[in-house]
Amino acid sequence: MDNRTLQTLVEEISKDSFHRPFLHQARFNSRLRTTGGRYLLSSHDLEFNPLMLTEFDLANLIGVIKHELVHYHLHLQGRPYQHKDQSFKRLLTDVGGLRYAP
């Protein structure tokens, strides 16, 4: 999977699971070693560890995408978006995202 395909996948998941558009960039970042993905507060972009797809499966990557989209959508709405926040935990459960990457 390349970055263009990842971008399309993230946009589709955002629309289907969150009923909101994803308006920023999604990309793989091979420098990520200890995390499945990350939400960049300054640019609102999402980065994903390519090992989430190559070492695991598409279902795992989708779970990580949903996790990062929870951060993304809550932050853009001005709601609490950190792991410790109840709004984060609730929305993550509602959309079926992964709490932790393997």
C-alpha atoms as a PDB file:
ATOM      1  CA  MET A   1       0.000   0.000   0.000  1.00  0.00           C
ATOM      2  CA  ASP A   2       1.320   3.423  -0.898  1.00  0.00           C
ATOM      3  CA  ASN A   3       0.559   6.825   0.647  1.00  0.00           C
ATOM      4  CA  ARG A   4      -2.137   7.610  -1.923  1.00  0.00           C
ATOM      5  CA  THR A   5      -4.031   4.412  -1.104  1.00  0.00           C
ATOM      6  CA  LEU A   6      -3.583   5.096   2.616  1.00  0.00           C
ATOM      7  CA  GLN A   7      -4.995   8.615   2.150  1.00  0.00           C
ATOM      8  CA  THR A   8      -8.077   7.204   0.415  1.00  0.00           C
ATOM      9  CA  LEU A   9      -8.543   4.570   3.126  1.00  0.00           C
ATOM     10  CA  VAL A  10      -8.327   7.158   5.918  1.00  0.00           C
ATOM     11  CA  GLU A  11     -10.824   9.416   4.121  1.00  0.00           C
ATOM     12  CA  GLU A  12     -13.275   6.522   3.700  1.00  0.00           C
ATOM     13  CA  ILE A  13     -12.972   5.391   7.328  1.00  0.00           C
ATOM     14  CA  SER A  14     -13.461   8.967   8.511  1.00  0.00           C
ATOM     15  CA  LYS A  15     -16.600   9.341   6.431  1.00  0.00           C
ATOM     16  CA  ASP A  16     -18.054   5.919   7.299  1.00  0.00           C
ATOM     17  CA  SER A  17     -17.175   5.674  11.007  1.00  0.00           C
ATOM     18  CA  PHE A  18     -17.165   9.325  12.097  1.00  0.00           C
ATOM     19  CA  HIS A  19     -19.536  10.889   9.521  1.00  0.00           C
ATOM     20  CA  ARG A  20     -16.989  13.688   9.116  1.00  0.00           C
ATOM     21  CA  PRO A  21     -14.444  14.373   6.380  1.00  0.00           C
ATOM     22  CA  PHE A  22     -10.713  13.943   6.815  1.00  0.00           C
ATOM     23  CA  LEU A  23      -9.244  17.103   5.277  1.00  0.00           C
ATOM     24  CA  HIS A  24      -5.530  16.697   5.932  1.00  0.00           C
ATOM     25  CA  GLN A  25      -2.706  14.349   4.929  1.00  0.00           C
ATOM     26  CA  ALA A  26      -2.200  10.730   5.916  1.00  0.00           C
ATOM     27  CA  ARG A  27       1.126   9.028   5.233  1.00  0.00           C
ATOM     28  CA  PHE A  28       3.388   6.202   6.272  1.00  0.00           C
ATOM     29  CA  ASN A  29       6.441   7.123   8.328  1.00  0.00           C
ATOM     30  CA  SER A  30       9.047   4.369   8.619  1.00  0.00           C
ATOM     31  CA  ARG A  31      10.797   6.278  11.432  1.00  0.00           C
ATOM     32  CA  LEU A  32       7.968   5.411  13.810  1.00  0.00           C
ATOM     33  CA  ARG A  33       9.255   2.499  15.892  1.00  0.00           C
ATOM     34  CA  THR A  34       7.338   2.339  19.161  1.00  0.00           C
ATOM     35  CA  THR A  35       3.872   3.431  18.060  1.00  0.00           C
ATOM     36  CA  GLY A  36       1.311   2.405  15.463  1.00  0.00           C
ATOM     37  CA  GLY A  37       0.557   5.947  14.410  1.00  0.00           C
ATOM     38  CA  ARG A  38       0.439   9.538  15.532  1.00  0.00           C
ATOM     39  CA  TYR A  39      -1.686  12.637  15.179  1.00  0.00           C
ATOM     40  CA  LEU A  40       0.326  15.798  14.575  1.00  0.00           C
ATOM     41  CA  LEU A  41      -1.300  18.652  16.497  1.00  0.00           C
ATOM     42  CA  SER A  42       0.354  21.439  14.516  1.00  0.00           C
ATOM     43  CA  SER A  43      -0.559  20.267  11.006  1.00  0.00           C
ATOM     44  CA  HIS A  44      -3.463  17.897  11.820  1.00  0.00           C
ATOM     45  CA  ASP A  45      -1.805  15.243   9.648  1.00  0.00           C
ATOM     46  CA  LEU A  46      -1.725  11.558  10.531  1.00  0.00           C
ATOM     47  CA  GLU A  47       1.335   9.324  10.284  1.00  0.00           C
ATOM     48  CA  PHE A  48       1.338   5.551  10.446  1.00  0.00           C
ATOM     49  CA  ASN A  49       3.982   2.947  11.094  1.00  0.00           C
ATOM     50  CA  PRO A  50       4.187   0.792   7.927  1.00  0.00           C
ATOM     51  CA  LEU A  51       4.817  -2.260  10.135  1.00  0.00           C
ATOM     52  CA  MET A  52       1.159  -2.097  11.186  1.00  0.00           C
ATOM     53  CA  LEU A  53       0.361  -3.371   7.701  1.00  0.00           C
ATOM     54  CA  THR A  54       3.415  -5.435   6.770  1.00  0.00           C
ATOM     55  CA  GLU A  55       3.846  -7.268  10.084  1.00  0.00           C
ATOM     56  CA  PHE A  56       0.149  -7.548  10.907  1.00  0.00           C
ATOM     57  CA  ASP A  57      -2.945  -7.239   8.715  1.00  0.00           C
ATOM     58  CA  LEU A  58      -5.324  -4.708   7.238  1.00  0.00           C
ATOM     59  CA  ALA A  59      -7.748  -5.058  10.165  1.00  0.00           C
ATOM     60  CA  ASN A  60      -4.954  -3.988  12.536  1.00  0.00           C
ATOM     61  CA  LEU A  61      -4.098  -0.968  10.390  1.00  0.00           C
ATOM     62  CA  ILE A  62      -7.774   0.034  10.294  1.00  0.00           C
ATOM     63  CA  GLY A  63      -7.902  -0.159  14.103  1.00  0.00           C
ATOM     64  CA  VAL A  64      -4.880   2.147  14.351  1.00  0.00           C
ATOM     65  CA  ILE A  65      -6.382   4.533  11.767  1.00  0.00           C
ATOM     66  CA  LYS A  66      -9.574   4.763  13.814  1.00  0.00           C
ATOM     67  CA  HIS A  67      -7.522   5.440  16.958  1.00  0.00           C
ATOM     68  CA  GLU A  68      -5.711   8.346  15.317  1.00  0.00           C
ATOM     69  CA  LEU A  69      -8.923   9.665  13.779  1.00  0.00           C
ATOM     70  CA  VAL A  70     -10.442   9.820  17.268  1.00  0.00           C
ATOM     71  CA  HIS A  71      -7.608  12.168  18.294  1.00  0.00           C
ATOM     72  CA  TYR A  72      -8.055  14.131  15.047  1.00  0.00           C
ATOM     73  CA  HIS A  73     -11.810  14.658  15.201  1.00  0.00           C
ATOM     74  CA  LEU A  74     -11.986  15.397  18.930  1.00  0.00           C
ATOM     75  CA  HIS A  75      -9.135  17.918  18.695  1.00  0.00           C
ATOM     76  CA  LEU A  76     -10.703  19.720  15.739  1.00  0.00           C
ATOM     77  CA  GLN A  77     -14.007  19.907  17.632  1.00  0.00           C
ATOM     78  CA  GLY A  78     -12.263  21.448  20.638  1.00  0.00           C
ATOM     79  CA  ARG A  79     -13.084  18.458  22.837  1.00  0.00           C
ATOM     80  CA  PRO A  80     -10.706  16.528  25.124  1.00  0.00           C
ATOM     81  CA  TYR A  81      -8.666  14.238  22.845  1.00  0.00           C
ATOM     82  CA  GLN A  82      -6.005  12.627  25.056  1.00  0.00           C
ATOM     83  CA  HIS A  83      -5.903   8.934  25.991  1.00  0.00           C
ATOM     84  CA  LYS A  84      -6.935   9.697  29.574  1.00  0.00           C
ATOM     85  CA  ASP A  85     -10.077  11.624  28.594  1.00  0.00           C
ATOM     86  CA  GLN A  86     -13.492   9.991  28.808  1.00  0.00           C
ATOM     87  CA  SER A  87     -14.554  11.504  25.487  1.00  0.00           C
ATOM     88  CA  PHE A  88     -11.579   9.797  23.824  1.00  0.00           C
ATOM     89  CA  LYS A  89     -12.295   6.430  25.440  1.00  0.00           C
ATOM     90  CA  ARG A  90     -15.995   6.601  24.610  1.00  0.00           C
ATOM     91  CA  LEU A  91     -15.543   7.529  20.949  1.00  0.00           C
ATOM     92  CA  LEU A  92     -12.775   4.947  20.503  1.00  0.00           C
ATOM     93  CA  THR A  93     -15.127   2.251  21.780  1.00  0.00           C
ATOM     94  CA  ASP A  94     -18.002   3.518  19.626  1.00  0.00           C
ATOM     95  CA  VAL A  95     -15.992   3.299  16.380  1.00  0.00           C
ATOM     96  CA  GLY A  96     -14.134   0.091  17.272  1.00  0.00           C
ATOM     97  CA  GLY A  97     -10.605   1.491  17.214  1.00  0.00           C
ATOM     98  CA  LEU A  98      -7.625  -0.168  18.842  1.00  0.00           C
ATOM     99  CA  ARG A  99      -6.644   1.105  22.276  1.00  0.00           C
ATOM    100  CA  TYR A 100      -3.055  -0.119  21.841  1.00  0.00           C
ATOM    101  CA  ALA A 101      -1.061  -1.115  18.779  1.00  0.00           C
ATOM    102  CA  PRO A 102       0.453  -4.602  18.936  1.00  0.00           C
END
